[in-house]
mmCIF file of all heavy atoms, coordinates in Angstrom:
data_MODEL
# 
_entry.id   MODEL 
# 
loop_
_atom_site.group_PDB 
_atom_site.id 
_atom_site.type_symbol 
_atom_site.label_atom_id 
_atom_site.label_alt_id 
_atom_site.label_comp_id 
_atom_site.label_asym_id 
_atom_site.label_entity_id 
_atom_site.label_seq_id 
_atom_site.pdbx_PDB_ins_code 
_atom_site.Cartn_x 
_atom_site.Cartn_y 
_atom_site.Cartn_z 
_atom_site.occupancy 
_atom_site.B_iso_or_equiv 
_atom_site.pdbx_formal_charge 
_atom_site.auth_seq_id 
_atom_site.auth_comp_id 
_atom_site.auth_asym_id 
_atom_site.auth_atom_id 
_atom_site.pdbx_PDB_model_num 
ATOM 1   N N   . HIS A 1 1  ? 102.964 97.237  121.213 1.00 0.00 ? 1  HIS A N   1 
ATOM 2   C CA  . HIS A 1 1  ? 103.452 95.871  120.998 1.00 0.00 ? 1  HIS A CA  1 
ATOM 3   C C   . HIS A 1 1  ? 102.646 95.147  119.913 1.00 0.00 ? 1  HIS A C   1 
ATOM 4   O O   . HIS A 1 1  ? 103.183 94.314  119.188 1.00 0.00 ? 1  HIS A O   1 
ATOM 5   C CB  . HIS A 1 1  ? 103.395 95.076  122.309 1.00 0.00 ? 1  HIS A CB  1 
ATOM 6   C CG  . HIS A 1 1  ? 104.302 95.593  123.380 1.00 0.00 ? 1  HIS A CG  1 
ATOM 7   N ND1 . HIS A 1 1  ? 105.671 95.638  123.250 1.00 0.00 ? 1  HIS A ND1 1 
ATOM 8   C CD2 . HIS A 1 1  ? 104.028 96.111  124.604 1.00 0.00 ? 1  HIS A CD2 1 
ATOM 9   C CE1 . HIS A 1 1  ? 106.216 96.144  124.348 1.00 0.00 ? 1  HIS A CE1 1 
ATOM 10  N NE2 . HIS A 1 1  ? 105.224 96.439  125.190 1.00 0.00 ? 1  HIS A NE2 1 
ATOM 11  N N   . THR A 1 2  ? 101.348 95.444  119.834 1.00 0.00 ? 2  THR A N   1 
ATOM 12  C CA  . THR A 1 2  ? 100.499 94.755  118.851 1.00 0.00 ? 2  THR A CA  1 
ATOM 13  C C   . THR A 1 2  ? 100.595 95.368  117.465 1.00 0.00 ? 2  THR A C   1 
ATOM 14  O O   . THR A 1 2  ? 100.330 94.702  116.461 1.00 0.00 ? 2  THR A O   1 
ATOM 15  C CB  . THR A 1 2  ? 99.018  94.800  119.295 1.00 0.00 ? 2  THR A CB  1 
ATOM 16  O OG1 . THR A 1 2  ? 98.587  96.170  119.349 1.00 0.00 ? 2  THR A OG1 1 
ATOM 17  C CG2 . THR A 1 2  ? 98.844  94.175  120.664 1.00 0.00 ? 2  THR A CG2 1 
ATOM 18  N N   . GLY A 1 3  ? 100.949 96.660  117.414 1.00 0.00 ? 3  GLY A N   1 
ATOM 19  C CA  . GLY A 1 3  ? 101.031 97.335  116.118 1.00 0.00 ? 3  GLY A CA  1 
ATOM 20  C C   . GLY A 1 3  ? 99.685  97.820  115.605 1.00 0.00 ? 3  GLY A C   1 
ATOM 21  O O   . GLY A 1 3  ? 99.591  98.395  114.511 1.00 0.00 ? 3  GLY A O   1 
ATOM 22  N N   . VAL A 1 4  ? 98.630  97.599  116.365 1.00 0.00 ? 4  VAL A N   1 
ATOM 23  C CA  . VAL A 1 4  ? 97.294  98.022  115.950 1.00 0.00 ? 4  VAL A CA  1 
ATOM 24  C C   . VAL A 1 4  ? 97.183  99.542  116.055 1.00 0.00 ? 4  VAL A C   1 
ATOM 25  O O   . VAL A 1 4  ? 97.627  100.144 117.023 1.00 0.00 ? 4  VAL A O   1 
ATOM 26  C CB  . VAL A 1 4  ? 96.213  97.361  116.831 1.00 0.00 ? 4  VAL A CB  1 
ATOM 27  C CG1 . VAL A 1 4  ? 94.823  97.886  116.464 1.00 0.00 ? 4  VAL A CG1 1 
ATOM 28  C CG2 . VAL A 1 4  ? 96.259  95.851  116.676 1.00 0.00 ? 4  VAL A CG2 1 
ATOM 29  N N   . LYS A 1 5  ? 96.566  100.147 115.038 1.00 0.00 ? 5  LYS A N   1 
ATOM 30  C CA  . LYS A 1 5  ? 96.326  101.589 115.023 1.00 0.00 ? 5  LYS A CA  1 
ATOM 31  C C   . LYS A 1 5  ? 94.829  101.818 114.815 1.00 0.00 ? 5  LYS A C   1 
ATOM 32  O O   . LYS A 1 5  ? 94.363  101.967 113.689 1.00 0.00 ? 5  LYS A O   1 
ATOM 33  C CB  . LYS A 1 5  ? 97.147  102.264 113.925 1.00 0.00 ? 5  LYS A CB  1 
ATOM 34  C CG  . LYS A 1 5  ? 98.664  102.171 114.137 1.00 0.00 ? 5  LYS A CG  1 
ATOM 35  C CD  . LYS A 1 5  ? 99.419  102.908 113.038 1.00 0.00 ? 5  LYS A CD  1 
ATOM 36  C CE  . LYS A 1 5  ? 100.919 102.854 113.283 1.00 0.00 ? 5  LYS A CE  1 
ATOM 37  N NZ  . LYS A 1 5  ? 101.664 103.613 112.243 1.00 0.00 ? 5  LYS A NZ  1 
ATOM 38  N N   . PRO A 1 6  ? 94.066  101.825 115.916 1.00 0.00 ? 6  PRO A N   1 
ATOM 39  C CA  . PRO A 1 6  ? 92.597  101.814 115.798 1.00 0.00 ? 6  PRO A CA  1 
ATOM 40  C C   . PRO A 1 6  ? 91.949  103.145 115.432 1.00 0.00 ? 6  PRO A C   1 
ATOM 41  O O   . PRO A 1 6  ? 90.767  103.181 115.098 1.00 0.00 ? 6  PRO A O   1 
ATOM 42  C CB  . PRO A 1 6  ? 92.164  101.381 117.200 1.00 0.00 ? 6  PRO A CB  1 
ATOM 43  C CG  . PRO A 1 6  ? 93.253  101.872 118.097 1.00 0.00 ? 6  PRO A CG  1 
ATOM 44  C CD  . PRO A 1 6  ? 94.519  101.756 117.307 1.00 0.00 ? 6  PRO A CD  1 
ATOM 45  N N   . PHE A 1 7  ? 92.702  104.240 115.474 1.00 0.00 ? 7  PHE A N   1 
ATOM 46  C CA  . PHE A 1 7  ? 92.106  105.550 115.227 1.00 0.00 ? 7  PHE A CA  1 
ATOM 47  C C   . PHE A 1 7  ? 92.446  106.029 113.814 1.00 0.00 ? 7  PHE A C   1 
ATOM 48  O O   . PHE A 1 7  ? 93.603  106.285 113.504 1.00 0.00 ? 7  PHE A O   1 
ATOM 49  C CB  . PHE A 1 7  ? 92.579  106.554 116.280 1.00 0.00 ? 7  PHE A CB  1 
ATOM 50  C CG  . PHE A 1 7  ? 92.274  106.118 117.688 1.00 0.00 ? 7  PHE A CG  1 
ATOM 51  C CD1 . PHE A 1 7  ? 93.266  105.558 118.478 1.00 0.00 ? 7  PHE A CD1 1 
ATOM 52  C CD2 . PHE A 1 7  ? 90.991  106.225 118.199 1.00 0.00 ? 7  PHE A CD2 1 
ATOM 53  C CE1 . PHE A 1 7  ? 92.992  105.138 119.764 1.00 0.00 ? 7  PHE A CE1 1 
ATOM 54  C CE2 . PHE A 1 7  ? 90.698  105.805 119.488 1.00 0.00 ? 7  PHE A CE2 1 
ATOM 55  C CZ  . PHE A 1 7  ? 91.698  105.262 120.273 1.00 0.00 ? 7  PHE A CZ  1 
ATOM 56  N N   . GLN A 1 8  ? 91.409  106.127 112.970 1.00 0.00 ? 8  GLN A N   1 
ATOM 57  C CA  . GLN A 1 8  ? 91.613  106.434 111.555 1.00 0.00 ? 8  GLN A CA  1 
ATOM 58  C C   . GLN A 1 8  ? 91.052  107.806 111.191 1.00 0.00 ? 8  GLN A C   1 
ATOM 59  O O   . GLN A 1 8  ? 89.957  108.188 111.603 1.00 0.00 ? 8  GLN A O   1 
ATOM 60  C CB  . GLN A 1 8  ? 90.951  105.371 110.681 1.00 0.00 ? 8  GLN A CB  1 
ATOM 61  C CG  . GLN A 1 8  ? 91.238  105.540 109.186 1.00 0.00 ? 8  GLN A CG  1 
ATOM 62  C CD  . GLN A 1 8  ? 90.666  104.396 108.377 1.00 0.00 ? 8  GLN A CD  1 
ATOM 63  O OE1 . GLN A 1 8  ? 89.555  103.947 108.613 1.00 0.00 ? 8  GLN A OE1 1 
ATOM 64  N NE2 . GLN A 1 8  ? 91.436  103.917 107.408 1.00 0.00 ? 8  GLN A NE2 1 
ATOM 65  N N   . CYS A 1 9  ? 91.814  108.541 110.386 1.00 0.00 ? 9  CYS A N   1 
ATOM 66  C CA  . CYS A 1 9  ? 91.397  109.851 109.897 1.00 0.00 ? 9  CYS A CA  1 
ATOM 67  C C   . CYS A 1 9  ? 90.326  109.668 108.819 1.00 0.00 ? 9  CYS A C   1 
ATOM 68  O O   . CYS A 1 9  ? 90.538  108.923 107.857 1.00 0.00 ? 9  CYS A O   1 
ATOM 69  C CB  . CYS A 1 9  ? 92.594  110.616 109.335 1.00 0.00 ? 9  CYS A CB  1 
ATOM 70  S SG  . CYS A 1 9  ? 92.158  112.173 108.551 1.00 0.00 ? 9  CYS A SG  1 
ATOM 71  N N   . SER A 1 10 ? 89.201  110.356 108.976 1.00 0.00 ? 10 SER A N   1 
ATOM 72  C CA  . SER A 1 10 ? 88.102  110.241 108.016 1.00 0.00 ? 10 SER A CA  1 
ATOM 73  C C   . SER A 1 10 ? 88.393  110.982 106.711 1.00 0.00 ? 10 SER A C   1 
ATOM 74  O O   . SER A 1 10 ? 87.727  110.755 105.709 1.00 0.00 ? 10 SER A O   1 
ATOM 75  C CB  . SER A 1 10 ? 86.810  110.784 108.641 1.00 0.00 ? 10 SER A CB  1 
ATOM 76  O OG  . SER A 1 10 ? 86.990  112.136 109.048 1.00 0.00 ? 10 SER A OG  1 
ATOM 77  N N   . ASP A 1 11 ? 89.408  111.845 106.724 1.00 0.00 ? 11 ASP A N   1 
ATOM 78  C CA  . ASP A 1 11 ? 89.737  112.623 105.525 1.00 0.00 ? 11 ASP A CA  1 
ATOM 79  C C   . ASP A 1 11 ? 90.720  111.899 104.606 1.00 0.00 ? 11 ASP A C   1 
ATOM 80  O O   . ASP A 1 11 ? 90.535  111.857 103.397 1.00 0.00 ? 11 ASP A O   1 
ATOM 81  C CB  . ASP A 1 11 ? 90.314  113.979 105.908 1.00 0.00 ? 11 ASP A CB  1 
ATOM 82  C CG  . ASP A 1 11 ? 89.243  114.944 106.401 1.00 0.00 ? 11 ASP A CG  1 
ATOM 83  O OD1 . ASP A 1 11 ? 88.055  114.585 106.300 1.00 0.00 ? 11 ASP A OD1 1 
ATOM 84  O OD2 . ASP A 1 11 ? 89.585  116.033 106.871 1.00 0.00 ? 11 ASP A OD2 1 
ATOM 85  N N   . CYS A 1 12 ? 91.770  111.337 105.195 1.00 0.00 ? 12 CYS A N   1 
ATOM 86  C CA  . CYS A 1 12 ? 92.809  110.734 104.359 1.00 0.00 ? 12 CYS A CA  1 
ATOM 87  C C   . CYS A 1 12 ? 93.050  109.254 104.634 1.00 0.00 ? 12 CYS A C   1 
ATOM 88  O O   . CYS A 1 12 ? 93.827  108.613 103.926 1.00 0.00 ? 12 CYS A O   1 
ATOM 89  C CB  . CYS A 1 12 ? 94.126  111.502 104.529 1.00 0.00 ? 12 CYS A CB  1 
ATOM 90  S SG  . CYS A 1 12 ? 94.864  111.362 106.178 1.00 0.00 ? 12 CYS A SG  1 
ATOM 91  N N   . GLY A 1 13 ? 92.428  108.712 105.694 1.00 0.00 ? 13 GLY A N   1 
ATOM 92  C CA  . GLY A 1 13 ? 92.564  107.290 105.985 1.00 0.00 ? 13 GLY A CA  1 
ATOM 93  C C   . GLY A 1 13 ? 93.781  106.915 106.808 1.00 0.00 ? 13 GLY A C   1 
ATOM 94  O O   . GLY A 1 13 ? 93.962  105.743 107.142 1.00 0.00 ? 13 GLY A O   1 
ATOM 95  N N   . LYS A 1 14 ? 94.615  107.884 107.144 1.00 0.00 ? 14 LYS A N   1 
ATOM 96  C CA  . LYS A 1 14 ? 95.799  107.588 107.953 1.00 0.00 ? 14 LYS A CA  1 
ATOM 97  C C   . LYS A 1 14 ? 95.370  107.123 109.341 1.00 0.00 ? 14 LYS A C   1 
ATOM 98  O O   . LYS A 1 14 ? 94.383  107.623 109.897 1.00 0.00 ? 14 LYS A O   1 
ATOM 99  C CB  . LYS A 1 14 ? 96.676  108.832 108.068 1.00 0.00 ? 14 LYS A CB  1 
ATOM 100 C CG  . LYS A 1 14 ? 98.050  108.568 108.678 1.00 0.00 ? 14 LYS A CG  1 
ATOM 101 C CD  . LYS A 1 14 ? 98.938  109.817 108.610 1.00 0.00 ? 14 LYS A CD  1 
ATOM 102 C CE  . LYS A 1 14 ? 100.316 109.518 109.185 1.00 0.00 ? 14 LYS A CE  1 
ATOM 103 N NZ  . LYS A 1 14 ? 101.194 110.720 109.132 1.00 0.00 ? 14 LYS A NZ  1 
ATOM 104 N N   . THR A 1 15 ? 96.085  106.144 109.904 1.00 0.00 ? 15 THR A N   1 
ATOM 105 C CA  . THR A 1 15 ? 95.714  105.577 111.205 1.00 0.00 ? 15 THR A CA  1 
ATOM 106 C C   . THR A 1 15 ? 96.745  105.928 112.272 1.00 0.00 ? 15 THR A C   1 
ATOM 107 O O   . THR A 1 15 ? 97.918  106.172 111.976 1.00 0.00 ? 15 THR A O   1 
ATOM 108 C CB  . THR A 1 15 ? 95.575  104.050 111.116 1.00 0.00 ? 15 THR A CB  1 
ATOM 109 O OG1 . THR A 1 15 ? 96.806  103.491 110.618 1.00 0.00 ? 15 THR A OG1 1 
ATOM 110 C CG2 . THR A 1 15 ? 94.433  103.664 110.184 1.00 0.00 ? 15 THR A CG2 1 
ATOM 111 N N   . PHE A 1 16 ? 96.270  105.901 113.527 1.00 0.00 ? 16 PHE A N   1 
ATOM 112 C CA  . PHE A 1 16 ? 97.110  106.310 114.649 1.00 0.00 ? 16 PHE A CA  1 
ATOM 113 C C   . PHE A 1 16 ? 96.904  105.378 115.841 1.00 0.00 ? 16 PHE A C   1 
ATOM 114 O O   . PHE A 1 16 ? 95.836  104.784 116.003 1.00 0.00 ? 16 PHE A O   1 
ATOM 115 C CB  . PHE A 1 16 ? 96.784  107.746 115.059 1.00 0.00 ? 16 PHE A CB  1 
ATOM 116 C CG  . PHE A 1 16 ? 97.008  108.747 113.955 1.00 0.00 ? 16 PHE A CG  1 
ATOM 117 C CD1 . PHE A 1 16 ? 95.990  109.013 113.052 1.00 0.00 ? 16 PHE A CD1 1 
ATOM 118 C CD2 . PHE A 1 16 ? 98.223  109.387 113.813 1.00 0.00 ? 16 PHE A CD2 1 
ATOM 119 C CE1 . PHE A 1 16 ? 96.192  109.916 112.027 1.00 0.00 ? 16 PHE A CE1 1 
ATOM 120 C CE2 . PHE A 1 16 ? 98.425  110.291 112.787 1.00 0.00 ? 16 PHE A CE2 1 
ATOM 121 C CZ  . PHE A 1 16 ? 97.417  110.564 111.890 1.00 0.00 ? 16 PHE A CZ  1 
ATOM 122 N N   . ILE A 1 17 ? 97.922  105.297 116.683 1.00 0.00 ? 17 ILE A N   1 
ATOM 123 C CA  . ILE A 1 17 ? 97.870  104.448 117.870 1.00 0.00 ? 17 ILE A CA  1 
ATOM 124 C C   . ILE A 1 17 ? 96.980  105.069 118.937 1.00 0.00 ? 17 ILE A C   1 
ATOM 125 O O   . ILE A 1 17 ? 96.205  104.392 119.596 1.00 0.00 ? 17 ILE A O   1 
ATOM 126 C CB  . ILE A 1 17 ? 99.291  104.210 118.432 1.00 0.00 ? 17 ILE A CB  1 
ATOM 127 C CG1 . ILE A 1 17 ? 100.105 103.348 117.473 1.00 0.00 ? 17 ILE A CG1 1 
ATOM 128 C CG2 . ILE A 1 17 ? 99.235  103.545 119.801 1.00 0.00 ? 17 ILE A CG2 1 
ATOM 129 C CD1 . ILE A 1 17 ? 101.551 103.159 117.894 1.00 0.00 ? 17 ILE A CD1 1 
ATOM 130 N N   . GLN A 1 18 ? 97.071  106.388 119.107 1.00 0.00 ? 18 GLN A N   1 
ATOM 131 C CA  . GLN A 1 18 ? 96.326  107.069 120.158 1.00 0.00 ? 18 GLN A CA  1 
ATOM 132 C C   . GLN A 1 18 ? 95.346  108.090 119.574 1.00 0.00 ? 18 GLN A C   1 
ATOM 133 O O   . GLN A 1 18 ? 95.617  108.697 118.533 1.00 0.00 ? 18 GLN A O   1 
ATOM 134 C CB  . GLN A 1 18 ? 97.278  107.774 121.124 1.00 0.00 ? 18 GLN A CB  1 
ATOM 135 C CG  . GLN A 1 18 ? 98.151  106.818 121.925 1.00 0.00 ? 18 GLN A CG  1 
ATOM 136 C CD  . GLN A 1 18 ? 98.949  107.529 122.993 1.00 0.00 ? 18 GLN A CD  1 
ATOM 137 O OE1 . GLN A 1 18 ? 98.510  108.531 123.543 1.00 0.00 ? 18 GLN A OE1 1 
ATOM 138 N NE2 . GLN A 1 18 ? 100.128 107.012 123.310 1.00 0.00 ? 18 GLN A NE2 1 
ATOM 139 N N   . LYS A 1 19 ? 94.253  108.284 120.284 1.00 0.00 ? 19 LYS A N   1 
ATOM 140 C CA  . LYS A 1 19 ? 93.219  109.214 119.823 1.00 0.00 ? 19 LYS A CA  1 
ATOM 141 C C   . LYS A 1 19 ? 93.749  110.637 119.774 1.00 0.00 ? 19 LYS A C   1 
ATOM 142 O O   . LYS A 1 19 ? 93.394  111.409 118.881 1.00 0.00 ? 19 LYS A O   1 
ATOM 143 C CB  . LYS A 1 19 ? 92.012  109.123 120.754 1.00 0.00 ? 19 LYS A CB  1 
ATOM 144 C CG  . LYS A 1 19 ? 90.778  109.840 120.218 1.00 0.00 ? 19 LYS A CG  1 
ATOM 145 C CD  . LYS A 1 19 ? 89.574  109.579 121.105 1.00 0.00 ? 19 LYS A CD  1 
ATOM 146 C CE  . LYS A 1 19 ? 88.325  110.211 120.519 1.00 0.00 ? 19 LYS A CE  1 
ATOM 147 N NZ  . LYS A 1 19 ? 87.122  109.930 121.338 1.00 0.00 ? 19 LYS A NZ  1 
ATOM 148 N N   . ARG A 1 20 ? 94.596  111.006 120.737 1.00 0.00 ? 20 ARG A N   1 
ATOM 149 C CA  . ARG A 1 20 ? 95.123  112.366 120.757 1.00 0.00 ? 20 ARG A CA  1 
ATOM 150 C C   . ARG A 1 20 ? 96.023  112.636 119.557 1.00 0.00 ? 20 ARG A C   1 
ATOM 151 O O   . ARG A 1 20 ? 96.091  113.763 119.060 1.00 0.00 ? 20 ARG A O   1 
ATOM 152 C CB  . ARG A 1 20 ? 95.869  112.654 122.061 1.00 0.00 ? 20 ARG A CB  1 
ATOM 153 C CG  . ARG A 1 20 ? 97.109  111.805 122.318 1.00 0.00 ? 20 ARG A CG  1 
ATOM 154 C CD  . ARG A 1 20 ? 97.667  112.085 123.709 1.00 0.00 ? 20 ARG A CD  1 
ATOM 155 N NE  . ARG A 1 20 ? 98.826  111.262 124.003 1.00 0.00 ? 20 ARG A NE  1 
ATOM 156 C CZ  . ARG A 1 20 ? 100.067 111.623 123.742 1.00 0.00 ? 20 ARG A CZ  1 
ATOM 157 N NH1 . ARG A 1 20 ? 100.324 112.802 123.170 1.00 0.00 ? 20 ARG A NH1 1 
ATOM 158 N NH2 . ARG A 1 20 ? 101.082 110.827 124.041 1.00 0.00 ? 20 ARG A NH2 1 
ATOM 159 N N   . HIS A 1 21 ? 96.691  111.584 119.048 1.00 0.00 ? 21 HIS A N   1 
ATOM 160 C CA  . HIS A 1 21 ? 97.506  111.746 117.842 1.00 0.00 ? 21 HIS A CA  1 
ATOM 161 C C   . HIS A 1 21 ? 96.615  112.031 116.637 1.00 0.00 ? 21 HIS A C   1 
ATOM 162 O O   . HIS A 1 21 ? 96.969  112.840 115.765 1.00 0.00 ? 21 HIS A O   1 
ATOM 163 C CB  . HIS A 1 21 ? 98.342  110.491 117.593 1.00 0.00 ? 21 HIS A CB  1 
ATOM 164 C CG  . HIS A 1 21 ? 99.381  110.243 118.638 1.00 0.00 ? 21 HIS A CG  1 
ATOM 165 N ND1 . HIS A 1 21 ? 100.004 109.017 118.805 1.00 0.00 ? 21 HIS A ND1 1 
ATOM 166 C CD2 . HIS A 1 21 ? 99.906  111.062 119.587 1.00 0.00 ? 21 HIS A CD2 1 
ATOM 167 C CE1 . HIS A 1 21 ? 100.864 109.096 119.799 1.00 0.00 ? 21 HIS A CE1 1 
ATOM 168 N NE2 . HIS A 1 21 ? 100.824 110.326 120.290 1.00 0.00 ? 21 HIS A NE2 1 
ATOM 169 N N   . LEU A 1 22 ? 95.453  111.357 116.604 1.00 0.00 ? 22 LEU A N   1 
ATOM 170 C CA  . LEU A 1 22 ? 94.500  111.608 115.523 1.00 0.00 ? 22 LEU A CA  1 
ATOM 171 C C   . LEU A 1 22 ? 93.965  113.034 115.604 1.00 0.00 ? 22 LEU A C   1 
ATOM 172 O O   . LEU A 1 22 ? 93.852  113.718 114.583 1.00 0.00 ? 22 LEU A O   1 
ATOM 173 C CB  . LEU A 1 22 ? 93.338  110.611 115.605 1.00 0.00 ? 22 LEU A CB  1 
ATOM 174 C CG  . LEU A 1 22 ? 92.145  110.870 114.666 1.00 0.00 ? 22 LEU A CG  1 
ATOM 175 C CD1 . LEU A 1 22 ? 92.588  110.859 113.207 1.00 0.00 ? 22 LEU A CD1 1 
ATOM 176 C CD2 . LEU A 1 22 ? 91.049  109.836 114.897 1.00 0.00 ? 22 LEU A CD2 1 
ATOM 177 N N   . ARG A 1 23 ? 93.648  113.490 116.829 1.00 0.00 ? 23 ARG A N   1 
ATOM 178 C CA  . ARG A 1 23 ? 93.142  114.856 116.988 1.00 0.00 ? 23 ARG A CA  1 
ATOM 179 C C   . ARG A 1 23 ? 94.163  115.880 116.510 1.00 0.00 ? 23 ARG A C   1 
ATOM 180 O O   . ARG A 1 23 ? 93.813  116.856 115.841 1.00 0.00 ? 23 ARG A O   1 
ATOM 181 C CB  . ARG A 1 23 ? 92.777  115.118 118.451 1.00 0.00 ? 23 ARG A CB  1 
ATOM 182 C CG  . ARG A 1 23 ? 91.483  114.465 118.911 1.00 0.00 ? 23 ARG A CG  1 
ATOM 183 C CD  . ARG A 1 23 ? 90.962  115.111 120.188 1.00 0.00 ? 23 ARG A CD  1 
ATOM 184 N NE  . ARG A 1 23 ? 91.913  114.970 121.292 1.00 0.00 ? 23 ARG A NE  1 
ATOM 185 C CZ  . ARG A 1 23 ? 91.865  114.001 122.183 1.00 0.00 ? 23 ARG A CZ  1 
ATOM 186 N NH1 . ARG A 1 23 ? 90.908  113.078 122.116 1.00 0.00 ? 23 ARG A NH1 1 
ATOM 187 N NH2 . ARG A 1 23 ? 92.754  113.937 123.156 1.00 0.00 ? 23 ARG A NH2 1 
ATOM 188 N N   . ASN A 1 24 ? 95.417  115.662 116.857 1.00 0.00 ? 24 ASN A N   1 
ATOM 189 C CA  . ASN A 1 24 ? 96.474  116.577 116.408 1.00 0.00 ? 24 ASN A CA  1 
ATOM 190 C C   . ASN A 1 24 ? 96.584  116.567 114.887 1.00 0.00 ? 24 ASN A C   1 
ATOM 191 O O   . ASN A 1 24 ? 96.774  117.609 114.252 1.00 0.00 ? 24 ASN A O   1 
ATOM 192 C CB  . ASN A 1 24 ? 97.812  116.187 117.036 1.00 0.00 ? 24 ASN A CB  1 
ATOM 193 C CG  . ASN A 1 24 ? 97.850  116.417 118.531 1.00 0.00 ? 24 ASN A CG  1 
ATOM 194 O OD1 . ASN A 1 24 ? 97.079  117.218 119.056 1.00 0.00 ? 24 ASN A OD1 1 
ATOM 195 N ND2 . ASN A 1 24 ? 98.723  115.715 119.225 1.00 0.00 ? 24 ASN A ND2 1 
ATOM 196 N N   . HIS A 1 25 ? 96.466  115.372 114.306 1.00 0.00 ? 25 HIS A N   1 
ATOM 197 C CA  . HIS A 1 25 ? 96.544  115.234 112.845 1.00 0.00 ? 25 HIS A CA  1 
ATOM 198 C C   . HIS A 1 25 ? 95.384  115.954 112.156 1.00 0.00 ? 25 HIS A C   1 
ATOM 199 O O   . HIS A 1 25 ? 95.559  116.574 111.107 1.00 0.00 ? 25 HIS A O   1 
ATOM 200 C CB  . HIS A 1 25 ? 96.529  113.754 112.474 1.00 0.00 ? 25 HIS A CB  1 
ATOM 201 C CG  . HIS A 1 25 ? 96.264  113.496 111.015 1.00 0.00 ? 25 HIS A CG  1 
ATOM 202 N ND1 . HIS A 1 25 ? 97.242  113.635 110.043 1.00 0.00 ? 25 HIS A ND1 1 
ATOM 203 C CD2 . HIS A 1 25 ? 95.127  113.121 110.369 1.00 0.00 ? 25 HIS A CD2 1 
ATOM 204 C CE1 . HIS A 1 25 ? 96.712  113.351 108.857 1.00 0.00 ? 25 HIS A CE1 1 
ATOM 205 N NE2 . HIS A 1 25 ? 95.440  113.027 109.030 1.00 0.00 ? 25 HIS A NE2 1 
ATOM 206 N N   . MET A 1 26 ? 94.190  115.893 112.745 1.00 0.00 ? 26 MET A N   1 
ATOM 207 C CA  . MET A 1 26 ? 93.012  116.501 112.137 1.00 0.00 ? 26 MET A CA  1 
ATOM 208 C C   . MET A 1 26 ? 93.133  118.009 112.003 1.00 0.00 ? 26 MET A C   1 
ATOM 209 O O   . MET A 1 26 ? 92.495  118.628 111.140 1.00 0.00 ? 26 MET A O   1 
ATOM 210 C CB  . MET A 1 26 ? 91.760  116.158 112.947 1.00 0.00 ? 26 MET A CB  1 
ATOM 211 C CG  . MET A 1 26 ? 91.344  114.688 112.871 1.00 0.00 ? 26 MET A CG  1 
ATOM 212 S SD  . MET A 1 26 ? 90.980  114.127 111.188 1.00 0.00 ? 26 MET A SD  1 
ATOM 213 C CE  . MET A 1 26 ? 89.470  115.029 110.849 1.00 0.00 ? 26 MET A CE  1 
ATOM 214 N N   . THR A 1 27 ? 93.964  118.622 112.851 1.00 0.00 ? 27 THR A N   1 
ATOM 215 C CA  . THR A 1 27 ? 94.155  120.072 112.744 1.00 0.00 ? 27 THR A CA  1 
ATOM 216 C C   . THR A 1 27 ? 94.833  120.438 111.429 1.00 0.00 ? 27 THR A C   1 
ATOM 217 O O   . THR A 1 27 ? 94.661  121.552 110.928 1.00 0.00 ? 27 THR A O   1 
ATOM 218 C CB  . THR A 1 27 ? 94.992  120.601 113.924 1.00 0.00 ? 27 THR A CB  1 
ATOM 219 O OG1 . THR A 1 27 ? 96.290  119.974 113.915 1.00 0.00 ? 27 THR A OG1 1 
ATOM 220 C CG2 . THR A 1 27 ? 94.314  120.316 115.258 1.00 0.00 ? 27 THR A CG2 1 
ATOM 221 N N   . VAL A 1 28 ? 95.609  119.507 110.871 1.00 0.00 ? 28 VAL A N   1 
ATOM 222 C CA  . VAL A 1 28 ? 96.253  119.755 109.573 1.00 0.00 ? 28 VAL A CA  1 
ATOM 223 C C   . VAL A 1 28 ? 95.193  119.938 108.495 1.00 0.00 ? 28 VAL A C   1 
ATOM 224 O O   . VAL A 1 28 ? 95.254  120.865 107.684 1.00 0.00 ? 28 VAL A O   1 
ATOM 225 C CB  . VAL A 1 28 ? 97.197  118.582 109.195 1.00 0.00 ? 28 VAL A CB  1 
ATOM 226 C CG1 . VAL A 1 28 ? 97.780  118.783 107.797 1.00 0.00 ? 28 VAL A CG1 1 
ATOM 227 C CG2 . VAL A 1 28 ? 98.299  118.425 110.238 1.00 0.00 ? 28 VAL A CG2 1 
# 
């Protein structure tokens, strides 16, 4: 509802709503 994406990728700067989404992204 807030639109906040607090989890940011240290490689490309992309942000995510949930930490698990960031972890999945980091595998790329």
